[in-house]
Amino acid sequence: MIGTKADPRGITKPAIDDLLSKVESKYTLAVYSAARARQINSYRQEMLSGDGNITNVGPLVPSNSDDKPLSLALEEIAEDKLNLEISHE
């Protein structure tokens, strides 16, 4: 491409192929990462409220306040920081 610089970010880091090797399907990855991203977002909101009532676990990978919760969730999955347990009820 003319005038562009290859600098992949977001869903390409970690690589989608690496992420898919950690779960059964792309749908599982979507649900799993979205649920974890909501937990991270809730944790951040709890930290901002300052009332000391923390019920969610924060990011398990190095992060800063500019990192998006979904990106953090995908990095956690890629680094095997989470265990997915599927219950068949």
C-alpha atoms as a PDB file:
ATOM      1  CA  MET A   1       0.000   0.000   0.000  1.00  0.00           C
ATOM      2  CA  ILE A   2       1.255   3.422  -0.840  1.00  0.00           C
ATOM      3  CA  GLY A   3       1.443   5.914   1.997  1.00  0.00           C
ATOM      4  CA  THR A   4       0.673   3.494   4.798  1.00  0.00           C
ATOM      5  CA  LYS A   5       2.821   1.983   7.476  1.00  0.00           C
ATOM      6  CA  ALA A   6       2.263  -1.573   8.648  1.00  0.00           C
ATOM      7  CA  ASP A   7       1.758  -1.312  12.409  1.00  0.00           C
ATOM      8  CA  PRO A   8      -0.857  -3.887  13.463  1.00  0.00           C
ATOM      9  CA  ARG A   9      -2.698  -3.216  16.712  1.00  0.00           C
ATOM     10  CA  GLY A  10      -5.892  -4.335  18.392  1.00  0.00           C
ATOM     11  CA  ILE A  11      -7.345  -7.649  17.283  1.00  0.00           C
ATOM     12  CA  THR A  12      -4.170  -8.517  15.346  1.00  0.00           C
ATOM     13  CA  LYS A  13      -2.119  -8.430  18.532  1.00  0.00           C
ATOM     14  CA  PRO A  14      -2.405 -11.040  19.905  1.00  0.00           C
ATOM     15  CA  ALA A  15      -2.845 -12.878  16.623  1.00  0.00           C
ATOM     16  CA  ILE A  16      -6.323 -14.276  16.029  1.00  0.00           C
ATOM     17  CA  ASP A  17      -4.866 -17.697  15.178  1.00  0.00           C
ATOM     18  CA  ASP A  18      -3.150 -17.852  18.564  1.00  0.00           C
ATOM     19  CA  LEU A  19      -6.390 -16.907  20.297  1.00  0.00           C
ATOM     20  CA  LEU A  20      -8.444 -19.477  18.399  1.00  0.00           C
ATOM     21  CA  SER A  21      -6.046 -22.216  19.470  1.00  0.00           C
ATOM     22  CA  LYS A  22      -7.036 -21.489  23.096  1.00  0.00           C
ATOM     23  CA  VAL A  23     -10.809 -21.993  22.651  1.00  0.00           C
ATOM     24  CA  GLU A  24     -13.224 -24.283  20.823  1.00  0.00           C
ATOM     25  CA  SER A  25     -14.574 -21.737  18.314  1.00  0.00           C
ATOM     26  CA  LYS A  26     -14.592 -18.085  17.348  1.00  0.00           C
ATOM     27  CA  TYR A  27     -17.980 -17.746  19.023  1.00  0.00           C
ATOM     28  CA  THR A  28     -16.578 -19.057  22.295  1.00  0.00           C
ATOM     29  CA  LEU A  29     -13.738 -16.562  21.981  1.00  0.00           C
ATOM     30  CA  ALA A  30     -16.182 -13.699  21.423  1.00  0.00           C
ATOM     31  CA  VAL A  31     -18.356 -14.574  24.425  1.00  0.00           C
ATOM     32  CA  TYR A  32     -15.407 -15.421  26.673  1.00  0.00           C
ATOM     33  CA  SER A  33     -13.464 -12.253  25.895  1.00  0.00           C
ATOM     34  CA  ALA A  34     -16.551 -10.033  26.131  1.00  0.00           C
ATOM     35  CA  ALA A  35     -17.418 -11.431  29.571  1.00  0.00           C
ATOM     36  CA  ARG A  36     -13.878 -10.858  30.821  1.00  0.00           C
ATOM     37  CA  ALA A  37     -13.823  -7.338  29.326  1.00  0.00           C
ATOM     38  CA  ARG A  38     -17.012  -6.529  31.277  1.00  0.00           C
ATOM     39  CA  GLN A  39     -15.329  -7.742  34.469  1.00  0.00           C
ATOM     40  CA  ILE A  40     -12.296  -5.545  33.829  1.00  0.00           C
ATOM     41  CA  ASN A  41     -14.532  -2.564  33.071  1.00  0.00           C
ATOM     42  CA  SER A  42     -16.520  -3.163  36.274  1.00  0.00           C
ATOM     43  CA  TYR A  43     -13.280  -3.392  38.249  1.00  0.00           C
ATOM     44  CA  ARG A  44     -12.177  -0.024  36.867  1.00  0.00           C
ATOM     45  CA  GLN A  45     -15.513   1.533  37.797  1.00  0.00           C
ATOM     46  CA  GLU A  46     -15.240   0.115  41.316  1.00  0.00           C
ATOM     47  CA  MET A  47     -11.740   1.560  41.665  1.00  0.00           C
ATOM     48  CA  LEU A  48     -12.977   4.981  40.537  1.00  0.00           C
ATOM     49  CA  SER A  49     -15.899   4.958  42.977  1.00  0.00           C
ATOM     50  CA  GLY A  50     -13.446   4.824  45.879  1.00  0.00           C
ATOM     51  CA  ASP A  51     -15.825   3.138  48.309  1.00  0.00           C
ATOM     52  CA  GLY A  52     -13.495   0.153  48.849  1.00  0.00           C
ATOM     53  CA  ASN A  53     -16.055  -2.396  47.685  1.00  0.00           C
ATOM     54  CA  ILE A  54     -14.111  -4.365  45.045  1.00  0.00           C
ATOM     55  CA  THR A  55     -15.930  -7.447  43.726  1.00  0.00           C
ATOM     56  CA  ASN A  56     -14.195  -7.944  40.359  1.00  0.00           C
ATOM     57  CA  VAL A  57     -10.640  -8.946  39.479  1.00  0.00           C
ATOM     58  CA  GLY A  58      -8.549  -6.387  37.632  1.00  0.00           C
ATOM     59  CA  PRO A  59      -6.341  -7.015  34.607  1.00  0.00           C
ATOM     60  CA  LEU A  60      -3.990  -9.989  34.922  1.00  0.00           C
ATOM     61  CA  VAL A  61      -1.525  -8.558  32.392  1.00  0.00           C
ATOM     62  CA  PRO A  62       0.466  -5.325  32.654  1.00  0.00           C
ATOM     63  CA  SER A  63      -1.786  -2.432  31.674  1.00  0.00           C
ATOM     64  CA  ASN A  64      -2.439   1.264  31.941  1.00  0.00           C
ATOM     65  CA  SER A  65      -5.630   3.284  31.994  1.00  0.00           C
ATOM     66  CA  ASP A  66      -5.562   3.803  28.215  1.00  0.00           C
ATOM     67  CA  ASP A  67      -5.811   0.079  27.436  1.00  0.00           C
ATOM     68  CA  LYS A  68      -9.227  -1.094  26.318  1.00  0.00           C
ATOM     69  CA  PRO A  69     -10.837  -3.840  28.440  1.00  0.00           C
ATOM     70  CA  LEU A  70     -11.383  -6.088  25.411  1.00  0.00           C
ATOM     71  CA  SER A  71      -7.721  -5.811  24.373  1.00  0.00           C
ATOM     72  CA  LEU A  72      -6.686  -6.738  27.913  1.00  0.00           C
ATOM     73  CA  ALA A  73      -9.072  -9.692  27.932  1.00  0.00           C
ATOM     74  CA  LEU A  74      -7.650 -10.991  24.648  1.00  0.00           C
ATOM     75  CA  GLU A  75      -4.090 -10.622  25.956  1.00  0.00           C
ATOM     76  CA  GLU A  76      -5.056 -12.562  29.096  1.00  0.00           C
ATOM     77  CA  ILE A  77      -6.494 -15.364  26.968  1.00  0.00           C
ATOM     78  CA  ALA A  78      -3.406 -15.447  24.736  1.00  0.00           C
ATOM     79  CA  GLU A  79      -1.085 -15.640  27.760  1.00  0.00           C
ATOM     80  CA  ASP A  80      -3.138 -18.427  29.404  1.00  0.00           C
ATOM     81  CA  LYS A  81      -3.950 -16.251  32.420  1.00  0.00           C
ATOM     82  CA  LEU A  82      -7.565 -17.476  32.423  1.00  0.00           C
ATOM     83  CA  ASN A  83      -9.181 -20.899  32.510  1.00  0.00           C
ATOM     84  CA  LEU A  84     -12.413 -21.348  30.601  1.00  0.00           C
ATOM     85  CA  GLU A  85     -14.826 -23.743  32.258  1.00  0.00           C
ATOM     86  CA  ILE A  86     -17.941 -24.573  30.296  1.00  0.00           C
ATOM     87  CA  SER A  87     -20.860 -25.947  32.271  1.00  0.00           C
ATOM     88  CA  HIS A  88     -23.364 -28.073  30.394  1.00  0.00           C
ATOM     89  CA  GLU A  89     -26.562 -27.433  32.305  1.00  0.00           C
END
